[in-house]
N, C-alpha and C. Protein backbone atom coordinates (compact mmCIF):
# COMPACT_ATOMS: atom_id res chain seq x y z
N UNK A 1 -113.25 -48.41 -76.02
CA UNK A 1 -112.47 -47.07 -75.66
C UNK A 1 -113.37 -45.67 -76.75
N UNK A 2 -112.67 -46.17 -77.78
CA UNK A 2 -113.50 -45.37 -78.60
C UNK A 2 -114.44 -45.20 -78.98
N UNK A 3 -115.11 -46.13 -79.33
CA UNK A 3 -116.73 -46.04 -79.16
C UNK A 3 -117.37 -45.34 -77.75
N UNK A 4 -116.63 -45.61 -76.79
CA UNK A 4 -117.56 -44.39 -75.66
C UNK A 4 -116.91 -43.24 -75.98
N UNK A 5 -115.92 -42.91 -76.47
CA UNK A 5 -115.35 -41.42 -76.82
C UNK A 5 -116.27 -40.95 -77.81
N UNK A 6 -116.84 -41.44 -79.10
CA UNK A 6 -117.22 -40.94 -80.16
C UNK A 6 -118.50 -41.17 -80.66
N UNK A 7 -119.24 -42.28 -80.15
CA UNK A 7 -120.03 -43.48 -80.86
C UNK A 7 -121.65 -42.82 -79.96
N UNK A 8 -122.56 -42.66 -80.76
CA UNK A 8 -123.67 -42.34 -80.26
C UNK A 8 -124.01 -43.43 -78.90
N UNK A 9 -125.22 -42.83 -78.17
CA UNK A 9 -125.57 -43.92 -77.22
C UNK A 9 -126.33 -45.12 -77.65
N UNK A 10 -126.67 -45.44 -79.13
CA UNK A 10 -127.13 -46.46 -79.21
C UNK A 10 -126.23 -47.58 -79.64
N UNK A 11 -125.28 -46.63 -80.22
CA UNK A 11 -124.07 -47.81 -80.74
C UNK A 11 -122.95 -48.21 -79.30
N UNK A 12 -122.92 -47.26 -78.21
CA UNK A 12 -122.40 -47.54 -77.05
C UNK A 12 -123.32 -48.72 -76.31
N UNK A 13 -124.43 -48.70 -76.40
CA UNK A 13 -125.30 -49.80 -75.99
C UNK A 13 -125.45 -51.19 -76.62
N UNK A 14 -125.18 -50.87 -78.07
CA UNK A 14 -125.26 -52.42 -78.49
C UNK A 14 -123.75 -52.88 -78.32
N UNK A 15 -122.67 -52.39 -78.33
CA UNK A 15 -121.14 -52.77 -77.94
C UNK A 15 -121.08 -53.69 -76.77
N UNK A 16 -121.96 -52.62 -75.85
CA UNK A 16 -121.80 -53.46 -74.70
C UNK A 16 -122.41 -54.64 -74.59
N UNK A 17 -123.95 -54.65 -75.00
CA UNK A 17 -124.49 -56.02 -74.97
C UNK A 17 -123.90 -56.98 -76.11
N UNK A 18 -123.11 -57.05 -77.26
CA UNK A 18 -122.64 -57.59 -78.07
C UNK A 18 -121.44 -58.33 -78.03
N UNK A 19 -120.40 -57.13 -77.61
CA UNK A 19 -118.98 -57.49 -77.95
C UNK A 19 -118.61 -58.32 -76.26
N UNK A 20 -118.24 -59.17 -76.94
CA UNK A 20 -117.63 -60.13 -75.57
C UNK A 20 -116.13 -60.74 -76.27
N UNK A 21 -114.91 -60.53 -75.77
CA UNK A 21 -115.03 -60.27 -74.15
C UNK A 21 -115.15 -58.31 -74.80
N UNK A 22 -115.31 -57.54 -73.65
CA UNK A 22 -115.67 -56.01 -74.22
C UNK A 22 -114.68 -55.38 -74.63
N UNK A 23 -114.85 -54.06 -75.37
CA UNK A 23 -113.77 -53.54 -75.92
C UNK A 23 -112.67 -52.79 -74.47
N UNK A 24 -111.80 -53.13 -74.75
CA UNK A 24 -110.27 -52.57 -73.75
C UNK A 24 -109.38 -51.68 -74.31
N UNK A 25 -109.26 -50.53 -73.73
CA UNK A 25 -108.15 -49.84 -74.08
C UNK A 25 -106.46 -50.55 -73.92
N UNK A 26 -106.09 -50.39 -75.05
CA UNK A 26 -104.47 -51.06 -74.78
C UNK A 26 -103.49 -49.90 -75.18
N UNK A 27 -102.87 -49.80 -74.21
CA UNK A 27 -101.94 -48.68 -74.54
C UNK A 27 -100.47 -49.39 -73.77
N UNK A 28 -99.53 -49.60 -74.88
CA UNK A 28 -97.93 -50.05 -74.62
C UNK A 28 -97.61 -49.74 -73.39
N UNK A 29 -97.43 -48.27 -73.45
CA UNK A 29 -96.44 -48.00 -72.18
C UNK A 29 -97.07 -48.24 -70.68
N UNK A 30 -98.55 -48.17 -71.04
CA UNK A 30 -99.19 -48.79 -69.83
C UNK A 30 -99.09 -50.01 -69.21
N UNK A 31 -98.67 -50.89 -70.25
CA UNK A 31 -98.73 -52.19 -70.19
C UNK A 31 -97.34 -52.83 -69.23
N UNK A 32 -96.17 -52.13 -70.48
CA UNK A 32 -94.89 -52.09 -69.56
C UNK A 32 -94.80 -51.79 -68.25
N UNK A 33 -95.46 -50.94 -68.17
CA UNK A 33 -94.97 -50.14 -66.72
C UNK A 33 -95.71 -51.09 -65.52
N UNK A 34 -97.02 -52.13 -66.11
CA UNK A 34 -97.65 -53.10 -65.42
C UNK A 34 -96.59 -54.01 -65.27
N UNK A 35 -96.16 -54.51 -66.20
CA UNK A 35 -95.00 -55.91 -66.44
C UNK A 35 -94.05 -55.58 -65.25
N UNK A 36 -93.12 -54.24 -65.34
CA UNK A 36 -91.81 -53.61 -64.80
C UNK A 36 -92.38 -54.10 -63.24
N UNK A 37 -93.37 -53.54 -63.08
CA UNK A 37 -94.24 -53.70 -61.28
C UNK A 37 -93.83 -54.76 -61.16
N UNK A 38 -94.69 -55.62 -61.96
CA UNK A 38 -94.77 -57.48 -61.49
C UNK A 38 -93.59 -58.30 -61.38
N UNK A 39 -92.98 -58.01 -62.58
CA UNK A 39 -91.42 -58.93 -62.63
C UNK A 39 -90.49 -58.01 -62.44
N UNK A 40 -90.26 -56.92 -62.46
CA UNK A 40 -88.60 -56.32 -62.10
C UNK A 40 -88.21 -56.10 -63.49
N UNK A 41 -87.11 -55.10 -63.21
CA UNK A 41 -86.30 -54.65 -64.89
C UNK A 41 -85.41 -56.07 -65.15
N UNK A 42 -84.80 -56.61 -64.37
CA UNK A 42 -83.90 -57.78 -64.91
C UNK A 42 -84.50 -58.73 -65.36
N UNK A 43 -86.09 -59.35 -64.81
CA UNK A 43 -86.90 -60.31 -65.79
C UNK A 43 -87.35 -59.52 -66.76
N UNK A 44 -87.94 -58.55 -66.47
CA UNK A 44 -88.60 -57.65 -68.06
C UNK A 44 -87.61 -57.96 -68.91
N UNK A 45 -86.37 -57.59 -68.79
CA UNK A 45 -85.35 -57.69 -69.99
C UNK A 45 -84.91 -58.68 -70.65
N UNK A 46 -85.13 -59.87 -69.51
CA UNK A 46 -84.77 -61.25 -69.85
C UNK A 46 -85.86 -61.55 -70.99
N UNK A 47 -87.02 -61.75 -70.46
CA UNK A 47 -88.28 -62.13 -71.44
C UNK A 47 -88.40 -61.27 -72.74
N UNK A 48 -88.32 -59.69 -72.53
CA UNK A 48 -87.95 -59.24 -73.83
C UNK A 48 -87.30 -59.38 -74.66
N UNK A 49 -85.65 -59.97 -73.97
CA UNK A 49 -85.03 -60.50 -75.25
C UNK A 49 -85.21 -61.97 -75.67
N UNK A 50 -85.89 -62.08 -75.07
CA UNK A 50 -85.83 -63.66 -75.29
C UNK A 50 -87.32 -63.83 -76.92
N UNK A 51 -87.97 -62.75 -76.07
CA UNK A 51 -89.20 -62.58 -76.98
C UNK A 51 -88.18 -62.35 -78.57
N UNK A 52 -87.69 -61.22 -78.59
CA UNK A 52 -87.01 -60.59 -79.74
C UNK A 52 -86.51 -61.54 -80.54
N UNK A 53 -85.35 -62.18 -79.60
CA UNK A 53 -84.67 -63.10 -80.41
C UNK A 53 -85.52 -64.06 -81.45
N UNK A 54 -86.46 -65.02 -80.70
CA UNK A 54 -87.42 -65.66 -81.00
C UNK A 54 -88.11 -65.17 -82.24
N UNK A 55 -88.70 -64.08 -82.13
CA UNK A 55 -89.13 -63.46 -83.28
C UNK A 55 -87.98 -62.99 -84.58
N UNK A 56 -87.32 -62.65 -84.35
CA UNK A 56 -86.44 -62.39 -85.09
C UNK A 56 -85.80 -63.78 -86.08
N UNK A 57 -85.67 -65.15 -85.03
CA UNK A 57 -85.41 -66.12 -85.64
C UNK A 57 -86.22 -67.04 -86.47
N UNK A 58 -87.42 -66.77 -86.22
CA UNK A 58 -88.45 -67.02 -87.01
C UNK A 58 -89.10 -66.17 -88.19
N UNK A 59 -88.95 -65.02 -88.19
CA UNK A 59 -88.41 -64.14 -89.44
C UNK A 59 -87.55 -64.53 -90.27
N UNK A 60 -86.22 -65.33 -90.20
CA UNK A 60 -85.28 -65.40 -90.94
C UNK A 60 -85.77 -66.90 -91.05
N UNK A 61 -85.65 -67.71 -90.58
CA UNK A 61 -86.04 -69.13 -90.72
C UNK A 61 -87.52 -69.03 -91.75
N UNK A 62 -88.47 -68.36 -91.60
CA UNK A 62 -89.59 -68.36 -92.10
C UNK A 62 -89.69 -67.66 -93.39
N UNK A 63 -88.49 -66.94 -93.95
CA UNK A 63 -88.30 -66.16 -95.24
C UNK A 63 -89.42 -64.81 -94.70
N UNK A 64 -89.63 -64.46 -93.87
CA UNK A 64 -90.37 -63.07 -93.71
C UNK A 64 -89.38 -61.91 -94.22
N UNK A 65 -87.99 -62.30 -93.85
CA UNK A 65 -87.46 -61.22 -94.27
C UNK A 65 -85.77 -61.77 -94.45
N UNK A 66 -85.10 -61.19 -95.25
CA UNK A 66 -84.08 -61.58 -96.09
C UNK A 66 -83.11 -60.04 -95.56
N UNK A 67 -81.77 -60.81 -95.04
CA UNK A 67 -80.28 -59.99 -94.38
C UNK A 67 -79.73 -59.99 -95.39
N UNK A 68 -79.39 -58.69 -95.72
CA UNK A 68 -78.19 -58.23 -96.42
C UNK A 68 -77.17 -57.76 -95.95
N UNK A 69 -75.79 -58.20 -95.80
CA UNK A 69 -74.60 -57.44 -95.20
C UNK A 69 -74.23 -56.82 -96.32
N UNK A 70 -73.36 -55.62 -95.84
CA UNK A 70 -72.48 -54.63 -96.75
C UNK A 70 -71.48 -54.34 -95.69
N UNK A 71 -70.01 -54.85 -96.38
CA UNK A 71 -68.98 -54.73 -95.27
C UNK A 71 -67.80 -54.18 -95.83
N UNK A 72 -68.02 -53.38 -97.18
CA UNK A 72 -66.93 -53.25 -97.73
C UNK A 72 -67.58 -51.55 -98.28
N UNK A 73 -66.45 -50.34 -98.07
CA UNK A 73 -66.82 -48.81 -98.38
C UNK A 73 -68.06 -48.98 -99.43
N UNK A 74 -67.20 -49.82 -100.83
CA UNK A 74 -68.17 -50.02 -101.91
C UNK A 74 -69.56 -50.51 -101.86
N UNK A 75 -69.78 -51.77 -101.13
CA UNK A 75 -70.58 -52.04 -100.59
C UNK A 75 -71.94 -51.82 -99.76
N UNK A 76 -71.31 -51.03 -99.07
CA UNK A 76 -72.07 -49.61 -98.21
C UNK A 76 -72.73 -48.83 -98.84
N UNK A 77 -71.59 -48.56 -99.97
CA UNK A 77 -72.28 -46.91 -100.63
C UNK A 77 -73.29 -47.64 -101.75
N UNK A 78 -73.35 -48.82 -102.39
CA UNK A 78 -74.27 -49.55 -103.00
C UNK A 78 -75.51 -49.54 -102.02
N UNK A 79 -75.21 -50.26 -100.85
CA UNK A 79 -76.47 -50.54 -100.05
C UNK A 79 -77.26 -49.31 -99.83
N UNK A 80 -76.27 -48.47 -99.43
CA UNK A 80 -77.04 -46.81 -99.02
C UNK A 80 -77.77 -46.02 -100.01
N UNK A 81 -77.19 -46.38 -101.51
CA UNK A 81 -77.84 -45.67 -102.01
C UNK A 81 -79.36 -46.43 -102.35
N UNK A 82 -79.12 -47.59 -102.51
CA UNK A 82 -80.69 -48.30 -102.31
C UNK A 82 -81.43 -48.08 -101.50
N UNK A 83 -81.22 -47.86 -100.32
CA UNK A 83 -81.70 -47.44 -98.63
C UNK A 83 -82.57 -45.88 -99.24
N UNK A 84 -81.89 -45.03 -99.48
CA UNK A 84 -81.82 -43.63 -99.65
C UNK A 84 -83.09 -43.16 -101.23
N UNK A 85 -82.74 -44.34 -101.91
CA UNK A 85 -83.80 -44.27 -103.11
C UNK A 85 -85.04 -45.10 -102.85
N UNK A 86 -85.37 -45.49 -101.52
CA UNK A 86 -86.36 -46.71 -101.70
C UNK A 86 -86.72 -47.58 -102.38
N UNK A 87 -85.41 -48.49 -102.49
CA UNK A 87 -85.16 -49.71 -103.27
C UNK A 87 -85.29 -50.76 -102.19
N UNK A 88 -85.37 -50.69 -101.28
CA UNK A 88 -85.08 -52.11 -99.97
C UNK A 88 -86.83 -52.24 -99.90
N UNK A 89 -87.10 -53.55 -100.18
CA UNK A 89 -88.53 -53.87 -99.69
C UNK A 89 -88.89 -54.37 -98.22
N UNK A 90 -89.86 -53.94 -97.53
CA UNK A 90 -89.93 -54.31 -96.35
C UNK A 90 -89.63 -55.72 -95.87
N UNK A 91 -89.18 -56.62 -96.88
CA UNK A 91 -88.84 -58.18 -96.61
C UNK A 91 -87.75 -58.03 -96.63
N UNK A 92 -86.65 -56.85 -96.44
CA UNK A 92 -85.39 -56.73 -96.44
C UNK A 92 -84.46 -56.09 -95.60
N UNK A 93 -83.76 -56.72 -94.76
CA UNK A 93 -82.84 -55.89 -93.72
C UNK A 93 -81.36 -55.73 -94.00
N UNK A 94 -81.07 -54.76 -94.08
CA UNK A 94 -79.82 -54.65 -94.43
C UNK A 94 -78.76 -53.51 -93.15
N UNK A 95 -77.63 -54.66 -93.32
CA UNK A 95 -76.74 -54.68 -91.95
C UNK A 95 -75.34 -53.87 -92.74
N UNK A 96 -75.35 -52.88 -92.43
CA UNK A 96 -74.01 -51.75 -93.09
C UNK A 96 -72.99 -52.02 -91.80
N UNK A 97 -71.58 -52.29 -92.20
CA UNK A 97 -70.72 -52.93 -91.16
C UNK A 97 -69.30 -52.71 -91.74
N UNK A 98 -68.30 -51.84 -91.14
CA UNK A 98 -66.99 -51.58 -91.58
C UNK A 98 -66.28 -52.86 -90.65
N UNK A 99 -66.91 -53.65 -89.64
CA UNK A 99 -65.92 -54.36 -89.03
C UNK A 99 -66.69 -55.80 -89.50
N UNK A 100 -65.78 -56.74 -90.01
CA UNK A 100 -66.24 -57.73 -90.17
C UNK A 100 -66.59 -58.71 -89.22
N UNK A 101 -67.77 -59.23 -89.20
CA UNK A 101 -68.34 -60.24 -87.76
C UNK A 101 -68.21 -61.85 -87.97
N UNK A 102 -67.97 -62.09 -89.60
CA UNK A 102 -67.94 -63.42 -89.96
C UNK A 102 -66.74 -64.31 -89.28
């Protein structure tokens, strides 16, 4: 799509002959609308929830992300300061809660 919009004709011709599969525009909201029309809201929610749960489980199991919990006012203050100061690496998720769910 981008090539069609800005590239010179020679590049467009080359891309049309050489790229397989051809280039295709991907716009997530349009795909989501197609899936909603095909599956319906309930099935879309069910599949989305299952995919997200599988991703989160894999991220934790494969050590892509570490979960840190802060459940006291003092721990929350320390964690929040780390967040504000940019000291939380992308591989760490911080859950702040004054309600202990353990």
